[in-house]
Amino acid sequence: MSRGTKIVATIGPASTDLNVLIRMIRAGVDVIRLNFSHGKAQDHIDRANLVRQAAAECGREVAIMADMQGPKIRVGKFEGGKIDLANGDKFILDAKWGENGELGNQERVGLDYKNLPNDLRAGDLLLLNDGLIVLTVDRIVQHEIFTTVKIGGELSNNKGINRQGGGLTAPALTAKDMEDIKTAMSFQADYLAISFPKSATDMEMARQLANIAGEPYGHKPQMIAKIERAEAIPALQEILNASDGIMVARGDLAVEVGNAAVPALQKRMIRMARESNKIAITATQMMESMIFNAVPTRAEVSDVANAVLDGTDAVMTSAETASGRYPVETVEMMAAVCVEAEQSEYNKRDADFLNVRFTRIDQSIAYGALFTAHHLPVKAIVALTESGSTPLWMSRHNIDTPIFALTPSITTQRKASLYRNVRAHYLVQQGNSTQVLKQVEDLLLQQGIVKKGDTIVVTWGEPMGKVGGTNALKIVKVGQLS
């Protein structure tokens, strides 16, 4: 396998087309993200069906990630669609403006989050439109927030608001999110991304809602916490413990903690995720210029490469593939950058698993496979898995050997599509261990992954088909089972 880092691509108007989706998947997309901040429920259902159709055309399984909007705090709409604010202007954010249909003007605008005046005090800085406009809070009088423009610019309809340093009390899960979770479970989204969680409780509540909504379909999604609030940073470990992975959501996070703090936080978050056996996704503006240009900037190439070198499981596109002019080219470029970064001398295999202590048999078998591949010329590590836990543990460490997750569960196959350095295949696994090992050999030979005489390491559980039961490891010389 030439690329270990996975690609998550957001789809939208530019890519909601079967042929475009097929080309994107063939170019290297592993996970499709549906952004629930835009569109109606039926739009997402239709797109999910289109993704499954495109994946089938490509002979692959790709995962679907449903990304919840969360409590995005926004200004209302303006009479002319926008205004221009100059430095020093006085401007009012009014929680009651618009209740009778009033539109914003040069003096004031409404808010969709009516509790904002209660969260603020004089001296606070408000950052609008991803931090391009900065307002200083002068005073709060009931439902009105009186401000002075510190950094002006164009302010248009429905732009977001953040408080520098965080501290807004809006809950992570809104009424809209709760309905959207039901929609996502109706098409069995493999991953559910939760926006703006502040604590483990937010993630636990989201998981409970998703499991209840997914129960009629026998489906439980993997939970991704989007780290984009200042309050999430000190609670990062507990959020990780309550999640299956995190997204380094650099947009809103940068607005709250400052741009300069984000690179070091990105490295810390990815490292903590790997140490906790969780997934890490790096997102926001990775190939931003490719919305309009056929090639990225050198800085964007470096950004993607550095995320790979940090050890991220996946890099993600947003508007580049959702509404940009070059969705397929963006994926191709991102894949090429990942391959080059993975071949770098700074991304060599590590041996940090050699001193790990274990509490579970299946985990010790997973690390035993890594140890073997570290010391023998092994062509591939193969994990026969029901739940996907064993290949996940293996993928937390940089090794030169590709990992193949062979599973009788399509859900697990899709889930594993996000694990770094793991390629998942469907295998029913019928018969005893000798018969199944022969099936493994045949599949790898048919796929051109190995040839006769190659050495592979295989892990599995006996009895076959038991979840969490990996308890066996075998070193196999391909061709000797025939």
Protein backbone atom coordinates (compact mmCIF):
# COMPACT_ATOMS: atom_id res chain seq x y z
CA MET A 1 0.00 0.00 0.00
CA SER A 2 1.56 3.28 -1.09
CA ARG A 3 -0.26 5.64 1.29
CA GLY A 4 -0.98 5.18 4.98
CA THR A 5 -2.55 8.55 5.85
CA LYS A 6 -6.25 8.67 5.04
CA ILE A 7 -8.20 11.43 3.27
CA VAL A 8 -11.56 12.74 4.49
CA ALA A 9 -13.35 14.77 1.82
CA THR A 10 -16.40 16.97 2.34
CA ILE A 11 -18.97 16.83 -0.45
CA GLY A 12 -21.33 19.57 -1.54
CA PRO A 13 -22.57 21.26 -4.72
CA ALA A 14 -19.24 20.72 -6.52
CA SER A 15 -19.09 17.01 -5.79
CA THR A 16 -22.68 15.76 -5.49
CA ASP A 17 -22.40 14.02 -8.82
CA LEU A 18 -21.87 10.31 -9.32
CA ASN A 19 -19.03 10.67 -11.82
CA VAL A 20 -17.19 13.26 -9.71
CA LEU A 21 -17.58 11.09 -6.61
CA ILE A 22 -16.23 8.05 -8.43
CA ARG A 23 -13.21 10.04 -9.59
CA MET A 24 -12.63 11.36 -6.06
CA ILE A 25 -12.77 7.87 -4.54
CA ARG A 26 -10.40 6.54 -7.19
CA ALA A 27 -8.10 9.49 -6.51
CA GLY A 28 -7.82 8.41 -2.89
CA VAL A 29 -10.78 9.45 -0.73
CA ASP A 30 -11.28 7.08 2.22
CA VAL A 31 -14.06 8.88 4.13
CA ILE A 32 -16.82 11.17 2.87
CA ARG A 33 -17.94 13.97 5.21
CA LEU A 34 -21.51 15.26 5.11
CA ASN A 35 -21.66 18.75 6.64
CA PHE A 36 -24.99 19.11 8.46
CA SER A 37 -24.48 22.88 8.77
CA HIS A 38 -25.88 23.06 5.25
CA GLY A 39 -28.83 21.40 3.55
CA LYS A 40 -31.94 19.55 4.65
CA ALA A 41 -32.33 16.02 5.98
CA GLN A 42 -33.31 14.59 2.59
CA ASP A 43 -30.26 16.21 0.98
CA HIS A 44 -27.97 14.25 3.30
CA ILE A 45 -29.89 11.01 2.81
CA ASP A 46 -29.63 11.40 -0.97
CA ARG A 47 -25.91 12.17 -0.76
CA ALA A 48 -25.26 9.18 1.50
CA ASN A 49 -27.00 6.92 -1.03
CA LEU A 50 -24.92 8.47 -3.81
CA VAL A 51 -21.72 7.81 -1.85
CA ARG A 52 -22.62 4.14 -1.38
CA GLN A 53 -23.39 3.88 -5.10
CA ALA A 54 -20.08 5.50 -6.09
CA ALA A 55 -18.10 3.28 -3.70
CA ALA A 56 -19.78 0.19 -5.15
CA GLU A 57 -18.84 1.36 -8.66
CA CYS A 58 -15.22 1.59 -7.47
CA GLY A 59 -15.33 -1.81 -5.76
CA ARG A 60 -14.48 -0.23 -2.42
CA GLU A 61 -16.05 0.60 0.90
CA VAL A 62 -15.64 4.17 2.10
CA ALA A 63 -16.87 5.45 5.44
CA ILE A 64 -19.44 8.24 5.82
CA MET A 65 -18.95 10.88 8.50
CA ALA A 66 -21.95 12.97 9.55
CA ASP A 67 -20.70 16.26 10.96
CA MET A 68 -23.16 18.00 13.29
CA GLN A 69 -23.54 21.78 13.14
CA GLY A 70 -23.46 22.35 16.90
CA PRO A 71 -24.19 25.68 18.59
CA LYS A 72 -22.82 27.95 15.91
CA ILE A 73 -23.52 31.47 17.20
CA ARG A 74 -24.32 33.83 14.36
CA VAL A 75 -25.51 37.33 13.62
CA GLY A 76 -28.83 37.73 11.82
CA LYS A 77 -29.50 39.05 8.33
CA PHE A 78 -28.98 42.60 7.02
CA GLU A 79 -31.23 44.81 4.90
CA GLY A 80 -28.81 44.79 1.99
CA GLY A 81 -27.23 41.44 2.81
CA LYS A 82 -24.14 43.06 4.34
CA ILE A 83 -22.64 46.17 5.92
CA ASP A 84 -19.15 47.68 6.19
CA LEU A 85 -17.82 48.36 9.68
CA ALA A 86 -14.97 50.82 10.16
CA ASN A 87 -12.55 50.94 13.08
CA GLY A 88 -14.08 52.96 15.91
CA ASP A 89 -17.70 52.47 14.80
CA LYS A 90 -20.31 51.78 17.46
CA PHE A 91 -22.35 48.64 16.82
CA ILE A 92 -25.06 46.81 18.77
CA LEU A 93 -25.72 43.06 18.88
CA ASP A 94 -29.36 42.78 19.89
CA ALA A 95 -30.79 39.45 21.04
CA LYS A 96 -34.36 40.66 20.45
CA TRP A 97 -33.80 42.35 17.11
CA GLY A 98 -35.50 40.41 14.36
CA GLU A 99 -38.29 38.94 16.48
CA ASN A 100 -40.74 41.03 14.46
CA GLY A 101 -38.93 40.60 11.17
CA GLU A 102 -36.48 43.48 11.54
CA LEU A 103 -33.30 43.19 9.48
CA GLY A 104 -29.87 44.35 10.54
CA ASN A 105 -28.50 47.77 9.61
CA GLN A 106 -25.42 49.92 10.18
CA GLU A 107 -26.31 50.34 13.85
CA ARG A 108 -27.44 46.91 15.04
CA VAL A 109 -28.17 43.30 14.09
CA GLY A 110 -29.99 40.39 15.66
CA LEU A 111 -28.55 37.17 17.13
CA ASP A 112 -29.58 33.55 16.77
CA TYR A 113 -28.20 32.75 20.27
CA LYS A 114 -30.43 34.73 22.62
CA ASN A 115 -28.36 33.99 25.74
CA LEU A 116 -25.21 35.74 24.45
CA PRO A 117 -25.71 38.93 26.53
CA ASN A 118 -25.67 36.81 29.71
CA ASP A 119 -22.31 35.25 28.75
CA LEU A 120 -20.44 38.53 28.27
CA ARG A 121 -19.02 41.39 30.29
CA ALA A 122 -17.42 44.73 29.48
CA GLY A 123 -13.95 44.36 27.98
CA ASP A 124 -14.60 41.06 26.24
CA LEU A 125 -13.45 40.70 22.64
CA LEU A 126 -15.89 39.26 20.11
CA LEU A 127 -14.50 37.81 16.89
CA LEU A 128 -16.87 37.69 13.92
CA ASN A 129 -16.52 35.99 10.54
CA ASP A 130 -13.67 33.67 11.66
CA GLY A 131 -11.86 36.50 13.41
CA LEU A 132 -11.73 38.92 10.49
CA ILE A 133 -13.83 41.44 12.45
CA VAL A 134 -13.14 42.21 16.13
CA LEU A 135 -15.55 44.01 18.46
CA THR A 136 -14.82 45.22 22.00
CA VAL A 137 -17.75 44.91 24.40
CA ASP A 138 -18.42 48.29 26.04
CA ARG A 139 -21.46 47.38 28.14
CA ILE A 140 -24.48 45.06 28.24
CA VAL A 141 -27.96 46.43 28.84
CA GLN A 142 -30.49 43.60 29.09
CA HIS A 143 -30.73 42.11 25.57
CA GLU A 144 -28.36 44.63 23.95
CA ILE A 145 -24.58 44.26 23.64
CA PHE A 146 -22.97 47.65 22.96
CA THR A 147 -19.61 47.35 21.20
CA THR A 148 -16.86 49.35 19.53
CA VAL A 149 -15.32 48.08 16.32
CA LYS A 150 -11.64 47.30 16.92
CA ILE A 151 -10.96 45.72 13.53
CA GLY A 152 -13.52 46.48 10.85
CA GLY A 153 -14.50 44.96 7.54
CA GLU A 154 -17.44 43.58 5.63
CA LEU A 155 -20.04 41.80 7.78
CA SER A 156 -22.68 39.83 5.91
CA ASN A 157 -25.66 37.65 6.79
CA ASN A 158 -25.32 34.84 9.35
CA LYS A 159 -21.61 35.19 10.09
CA GLY A 160 -20.32 33.39 13.17
CA ILE A 161 -19.42 34.92 16.53
CA ASN A 162 -16.76 33.70 18.98
CA ARG A 163 -15.61 35.11 22.29
CA GLN A 164 -11.85 35.30 22.56
CA GLY A 165 -10.78 32.82 25.22
CA GLY A 166 -14.03 30.89 25.02
CA GLY A 167 -16.49 30.73 27.89
CA LEU A 168 -19.83 30.75 26.05
CA THR A 169 -22.43 28.54 27.71
CA ALA A 170 -24.18 27.26 24.58
CA PRO A 171 -24.64 23.47 24.86
CA ALA A 172 -22.74 21.22 22.46
CA LEU A 173 -25.92 19.50 21.28
CA THR A 174 -28.75 21.63 19.95
CA ALA A 175 -32.30 20.55 19.11
CA LYS A 176 -31.25 20.58 15.44
CA ASP A 177 -28.32 18.25 16.21
CA MET A 178 -30.63 15.79 17.94
CA GLU A 179 -32.82 15.58 14.86
CA ASP A 180 -29.78 15.40 12.59
CA ILE A 181 -28.41 12.46 14.58
CA LYS A 182 -31.63 10.58 13.80
CA THR A 183 -31.18 11.39 10.10
CA ALA A 184 -27.55 10.24 10.16
CA MET A 185 -28.51 6.96 11.80
CA SER A 186 -31.24 6.36 9.20
CA PHE A 187 -28.47 5.80 6.62
CA GLN A 188 -26.07 4.30 9.18
CA ALA A 189 -23.34 6.93 9.14
CA ASP A 190 -20.11 5.24 10.21
CA TYR A 191 -18.75 8.26 12.09
CA LEU A 192 -20.56 11.04 13.93
CA ALA A 193 -18.58 14.26 14.45
CA ILE A 194 -19.78 16.38 17.38
CA SER A 195 -19.10 20.12 17.24
CA PHE A 196 -17.93 22.23 20.19
CA PRO A 197 -17.84 19.59 22.99
CA LYS A 198 -16.51 20.99 26.27
CA SER A 199 -16.39 17.80 28.31
CA ALA A 200 -16.71 14.04 28.29
CA THR A 201 -20.36 14.47 29.24
CA ASP A 202 -21.10 16.12 25.89
CA MET A 203 -19.64 13.14 24.04
CA GLU A 204 -21.34 10.58 26.27
CA MET A 205 -24.71 12.25 25.70
CA ALA A 206 -24.15 12.31 21.93
CA ARG A 207 -23.16 8.64 21.93
CA GLN A 208 -26.27 7.70 23.90
CA LEU A 209 -28.52 9.62 21.49
CA ALA A 210 -26.80 8.03 18.48
CA ASN A 211 -27.04 4.52 19.90
CA ILE A 212 -30.75 4.97 20.61
CA ALA A 213 -31.37 6.40 17.12
CA GLY A 214 -29.33 3.61 15.55
CA GLU A 215 -30.95 0.78 17.51
CA PRO A 216 -33.70 0.05 14.92
CA TYR A 217 -30.93 -0.47 12.35
CA GLY A 218 -28.62 -2.44 14.65
CA HIS A 219 -26.02 0.30 14.21
CA LYS A 220 -23.66 2.12 16.58
CA PRO A 221 -21.46 4.84 15.04
CA GLN A 222 -17.94 5.82 16.04
CA MET A 223 -17.84 9.20 17.81
CA ILE A 224 -15.44 11.98 16.79
CA ALA A 225 -15.02 15.01 19.06
CA LYS A 226 -14.26 18.24 17.19
CA ILE A 227 -11.83 20.20 19.34
CA GLU A 228 -12.72 23.83 18.66
CA ARG A 229 -13.42 25.39 22.06
CA ALA A 230 -10.84 26.80 24.45
CA GLU A 231 -12.54 24.90 27.28
CA ALA A 232 -11.91 21.59 25.50
CA ILE A 233 -8.13 21.88 25.79
CA PRO A 234 -7.78 21.28 29.57
CA ALA A 235 -10.45 18.54 29.28
CA LEU A 236 -8.80 16.88 26.28
CA GLN A 237 -7.93 13.57 27.93
CA GLU A 238 -11.41 13.03 29.34
CA ILE A 239 -12.94 13.94 25.97
CA LEU A 240 -10.59 11.45 24.29
CA ASN A 241 -11.60 8.76 26.77
CA ALA A 242 -15.27 9.30 25.92
CA SER A 243 -14.70 9.37 22.13
CA ASP A 244 -13.35 7.13 19.39
CA GLY A 245 -11.28 9.96 17.95
CA ILE A 246 -10.82 13.71 17.70
CA MET A 247 -10.78 16.26 14.92
CA VAL A 248 -8.25 19.09 15.19
CA ALA A 249 -10.78 21.69 13.99
CA ARG A 250 -8.41 24.57 13.52
CA GLY A 251 -10.92 27.22 12.40
CA ASP A 252 -13.02 27.98 15.47
CA LEU A 253 -10.21 26.80 17.75
CA ALA A 254 -7.83 29.41 16.31
CA VAL A 255 -10.43 32.13 16.81
CA GLU A 256 -10.80 31.24 20.49
CA VAL A 257 -7.15 30.53 21.46
CA GLY A 258 -5.32 32.59 18.84
CA ASN A 259 -3.69 31.49 15.58
CA ALA A 260 -0.22 31.26 17.11
CA ALA A 261 -1.27 28.63 19.65
CA VAL A 262 -2.75 26.19 17.13
CA PRO A 263 0.34 24.47 15.63
CA ALA A 264 1.66 23.32 19.01
CA LEU A 265 -1.87 22.29 20.09
CA GLN A 266 -2.21 20.26 16.88
CA LYS A 267 0.94 18.28 17.66
CA ARG A 268 -0.14 17.75 21.25
CA MET A 269 -3.63 16.58 20.29
CA ILE A 270 -2.39 14.11 17.69
CA ARG A 271 0.18 12.72 20.12
CA MET A 272 -2.41 12.32 22.89
CA ALA A 273 -4.84 10.61 20.49
CA ARG A 274 -2.23 8.07 19.40
CA GLU A 275 -1.18 7.40 23.00
CA SER A 276 -4.84 6.84 23.90
CA ASN A 277 -5.40 4.45 20.93
CA LYS A 278 -7.79 6.95 19.36
CA ILE A 279 -8.08 8.41 15.85
CA ALA A 280 -6.86 11.91 14.94
CA ILE A 281 -8.13 13.96 11.97
CA THR A 282 -6.49 17.26 11.00
CA ALA A 283 -8.86 19.74 9.36
CA THR A 284 -9.50 23.29 8.12
CA GLN A 285 -7.95 25.20 5.21
CA MET A 286 -5.47 22.45 4.33
CA MET A 287 -5.75 23.13 0.58
CA GLU A 288 -7.83 26.33 0.80
CA SER A 289 -6.39 27.99 -2.31
CA MET A 290 -7.53 25.03 -4.43
CA ILE A 291 -11.10 26.28 -4.08
CA PHE A 292 -10.14 28.54 -6.98
CA ASN A 293 -6.70 27.37 -8.15
CA ALA A 294 -5.60 24.11 -9.76
CA VAL A 295 -2.46 23.91 -7.59
CA PRO A 296 -1.98 24.59 -3.86
CA THR A 297 0.42 27.06 -2.29
CA ARG A 298 3.76 25.83 -0.94
CA ALA A 299 2.54 26.66 2.55
CA GLU A 300 -0.50 24.39 2.11
CA VAL A 301 1.69 21.54 0.89
CA SER A 302 3.86 21.99 3.99
CA ASP A 303 0.77 22.08 6.20
CA VAL A 304 -0.50 18.73 4.93
CA ALA A 305 2.97 17.19 5.11
CA ASN A 306 3.51 18.39 8.69
CA ALA A 307 0.20 16.88 9.78
CA VAL A 308 1.36 13.56 8.32
CA LEU A 309 4.71 13.88 10.11
CA ASP A 310 2.83 14.65 13.34
CA GLY A 311 1.17 11.24 12.99
CA THR A 312 -2.38 12.22 12.06
CA ASP A 313 -4.63 9.39 10.87
CA ALA A 314 -6.31 11.58 8.28
CA VAL A 315 -6.22 14.97 6.61
CA MET A 316 -9.50 16.61 5.65
CA THR A 317 -10.85 18.89 2.95
CA SER A 318 -13.80 21.23 3.43
CA ALA A 319 -14.83 23.81 0.83
CA GLU A 320 -12.03 22.61 -1.49
CA THR A 321 -14.10 19.55 -2.44
CA ALA A 322 -17.55 20.74 -1.38
CA SER A 323 -17.78 23.90 -3.45
CA GLY A 324 -14.40 24.38 -5.10
CA ARG A 325 -13.53 24.22 -8.78
CA TYR A 326 -11.07 21.34 -8.47
CA PRO A 327 -12.42 18.65 -6.11
CA VAL A 328 -10.69 15.70 -7.81
CA GLU A 329 -7.38 17.53 -8.25
CA THR A 330 -7.44 18.51 -4.57
CA VAL A 331 -7.69 14.86 -3.54
CA GLU A 332 -4.94 13.85 -5.98
CA MET A 333 -2.61 16.53 -4.67
CA MET A 334 -3.34 15.72 -1.04
CA ALA A 335 -2.66 12.02 -1.66
CA ALA A 336 0.64 12.81 -3.39
CA VAL A 337 1.78 15.02 -0.50
CA CYS A 338 0.89 12.29 2.03
CA VAL A 339 2.93 9.70 0.14
CA GLU A 340 5.99 11.94 -0.03
CA ALA A 341 5.77 12.87 3.67
CA GLU A 342 5.43 9.22 4.70
CA GLN A 343 8.64 8.39 2.82
CA SER A 344 10.56 11.10 4.66
CA GLU A 345 13.43 10.19 6.97
CA TYR A 346 11.53 12.04 9.72
CA ASN A 347 8.69 9.55 9.46
CA LYS A 348 10.70 6.38 10.02
CA ARG A 349 9.27 3.50 11.97
CA ASP A 350 9.40 3.75 15.73
CA ALA A 351 9.98 1.13 18.38
CA ASP A 352 8.09 2.75 21.24
CA PHE A 353 5.84 -0.30 21.44
CA LEU A 354 8.78 -2.41 22.67
CA ASN A 355 8.35 -1.19 26.26
CA VAL A 356 4.54 -1.19 26.44
CA ARG A 357 2.87 -3.12 29.26
CA PHE A 358 -0.43 -4.90 28.58
CA THR A 359 -3.60 -5.64 30.53
CA ARG A 360 -5.39 -7.58 27.75
CA ILE A 361 -4.45 -10.65 25.74
CA ASP A 362 -5.74 -9.23 22.44
CA GLN A 363 -3.70 -6.07 22.91
CA SER A 364 -0.53 -8.08 23.65
CA ILE A 365 -1.09 -10.09 20.44
CA ALA A 366 -1.44 -6.84 18.45
CA TYR A 367 1.86 -5.54 19.80
CA GLY A 368 3.46 -8.95 19.31
CA ALA A 369 2.72 -8.61 15.59
CA LEU A 370 4.39 -5.19 15.57
CA PHE A 371 7.43 -6.59 17.38
CA THR A 372 7.71 -9.41 14.83
CA ALA A 373 7.40 -7.02 11.88
CA HIS A 374 10.03 -4.79 13.50
CA HIS A 375 12.60 -7.61 13.54
CA LEU A 376 11.70 -9.77 10.53
CA PRO A 377 11.38 -8.87 6.81
CA VAL A 378 7.58 -9.07 6.89
CA LYS A 379 5.58 -8.11 3.79
CA ALA A 380 2.26 -7.51 5.58
CA ILE A 381 0.56 -7.72 8.95
CA VAL A 382 -2.92 -9.26 8.74
CA ALA A 383 -5.48 -8.86 11.51
CA LEU A 384 -8.55 -11.08 11.31
CA THR A 385 -10.97 -8.91 13.22
CA GLU A 386 -14.63 -8.57 14.15
CA SER A 387 -14.57 -5.23 15.99
CA GLY A 388 -11.51 -3.58 14.43
CA SER A 389 -9.73 -3.05 17.77
CA THR A 390 -6.62 -5.08 16.91
CA PRO A 391 -5.72 -3.20 13.69
CA LEU A 392 -6.48 0.09 15.48
CA TRP A 393 -3.92 -0.71 18.19
CA MET A 394 -1.39 -1.73 15.56
CA SER A 395 -1.91 1.50 13.61
CA ARG A 396 -0.94 3.73 16.54
CA HIS A 397 2.77 3.24 15.76
CA ASN A 398 4.88 4.16 12.74
CA ILE A 399 6.06 0.99 11.03
CA ASP A 400 7.13 0.24 7.48
CA THR A 401 4.82 -2.76 7.20
CA PRO A 402 1.26 -2.25 5.90
CA ILE A 403 -1.60 -3.56 8.05
CA PHE A 404 -4.56 -5.38 6.53
CA ALA A 405 -7.80 -5.70 8.49
CA LEU A 406 -9.80 -8.67 7.20
CA THR A 407 -13.32 -8.69 8.62
CA PRO A 408 -16.71 -10.31 8.02
CA SER A 409 -18.36 -7.03 9.10
CA ILE A 410 -18.96 -4.31 6.50
CA THR A 411 -19.42 -1.84 9.38
CA THR A 412 -15.95 -2.67 10.70
CA GLN A 413 -14.53 -2.51 7.17
CA ARG A 414 -15.86 1.02 6.74
CA LYS A 415 -14.78 2.06 10.23
CA ALA A 416 -11.21 0.87 9.64
CA SER A 417 -10.98 3.00 6.50
CA LEU A 418 -9.99 5.88 8.80
CA TYR A 419 -7.11 4.07 10.55
CA ARG A 420 -3.67 5.15 9.42
CA ASN A 421 -1.67 2.49 7.54
CA VAL A 422 -4.64 0.07 7.56
CA ARG A 423 -6.43 -1.26 4.49
CA ALA A 424 -9.65 -3.13 5.26
CA HIS A 425 -11.05 -6.01 3.21
CA TYR A 426 -14.17 -8.12 3.56
CA LEU A 427 -13.53 -11.77 4.44
CA VAL A 428 -16.18 -14.13 5.78
CA GLN A 429 -13.65 -16.42 7.58
CA GLN A 430 -15.25 -19.85 7.26
CA GLY A 431 -13.84 -23.02 8.79
CA ASN A 432 -10.98 -23.68 11.20
CA SER A 433 -7.83 -21.59 11.53
CA THR A 434 -5.92 -23.52 8.84
CA GLN A 435 -8.75 -23.07 6.34
CA VAL A 436 -9.08 -19.37 7.17
CA LEU A 437 -5.34 -18.81 6.82
CA LYS A 438 -5.59 -20.34 3.34
CA GLN A 439 -8.41 -17.87 2.54
CA VAL A 440 -6.14 -15.06 3.75
CA GLU A 441 -3.33 -16.21 1.46
CA ASP A 442 -5.65 -16.49 -1.52
CA LEU A 443 -7.07 -12.97 -0.97
CA LEU A 444 -3.64 -11.35 -0.62
CA LEU A 445 -2.34 -13.17 -3.69
CA GLN A 446 -5.41 -12.20 -5.76
CA GLN A 447 -5.02 -8.55 -4.73
CA GLY A 448 -1.33 -8.58 -5.66
CA ILE A 449 -0.39 -7.62 -2.11
CA VAL A 450 2.00 -10.56 -1.66
CA LYS A 451 3.63 -13.25 -3.77
CA LYS A 452 4.66 -16.80 -2.95
CA GLY A 453 7.64 -16.91 -0.62
CA ASP A 454 6.74 -13.63 1.17
CA THR A 455 6.44 -13.65 4.96
CA ILE A 456 3.27 -12.33 6.64
CA VAL A 457 2.16 -12.10 10.26
CA VAL A 458 -1.45 -13.06 10.97
CA THR A 459 -3.43 -12.49 14.18
CA TRP A 460 -6.84 -13.97 14.99
CA GLY A 461 -9.03 -15.23 17.79
CA GLU A 462 -10.00 -18.77 18.63
CA PRO A 463 -12.76 -19.69 18.55
CA MET A 464 -13.24 -17.83 15.27
CA GLY A 465 -15.79 -14.98 15.26
CA LYS A 466 -15.53 -14.01 18.93
CA VAL A 467 -15.42 -10.22 19.43
CA GLY A 468 -12.43 -9.12 21.51
CA GLY A 469 -11.01 -12.63 21.36
CA THR A 470 -7.73 -12.14 19.45
CA ASN A 471 -5.41 -14.62 21.13
CA ALA A 472 -3.27 -16.15 18.36
CA LEU A 473 -0.36 -15.02 16.18
CA LYS A 474 1.29 -16.96 13.38
CA ILE A 475 4.20 -16.21 11.05
CA VAL A 476 3.26 -17.57 7.65
CA LYS A 477 5.42 -18.15 4.55
CA VAL A 478 3.05 -17.53 1.65
CA GLY A 479 2.54 -20.66 -0.47
CA GLN A 480 3.37 -23.25 2.15
CA LEU A 481 -0.27 -23.79 3.16
CA SER A 482 -1.20 -25.15 -0.27
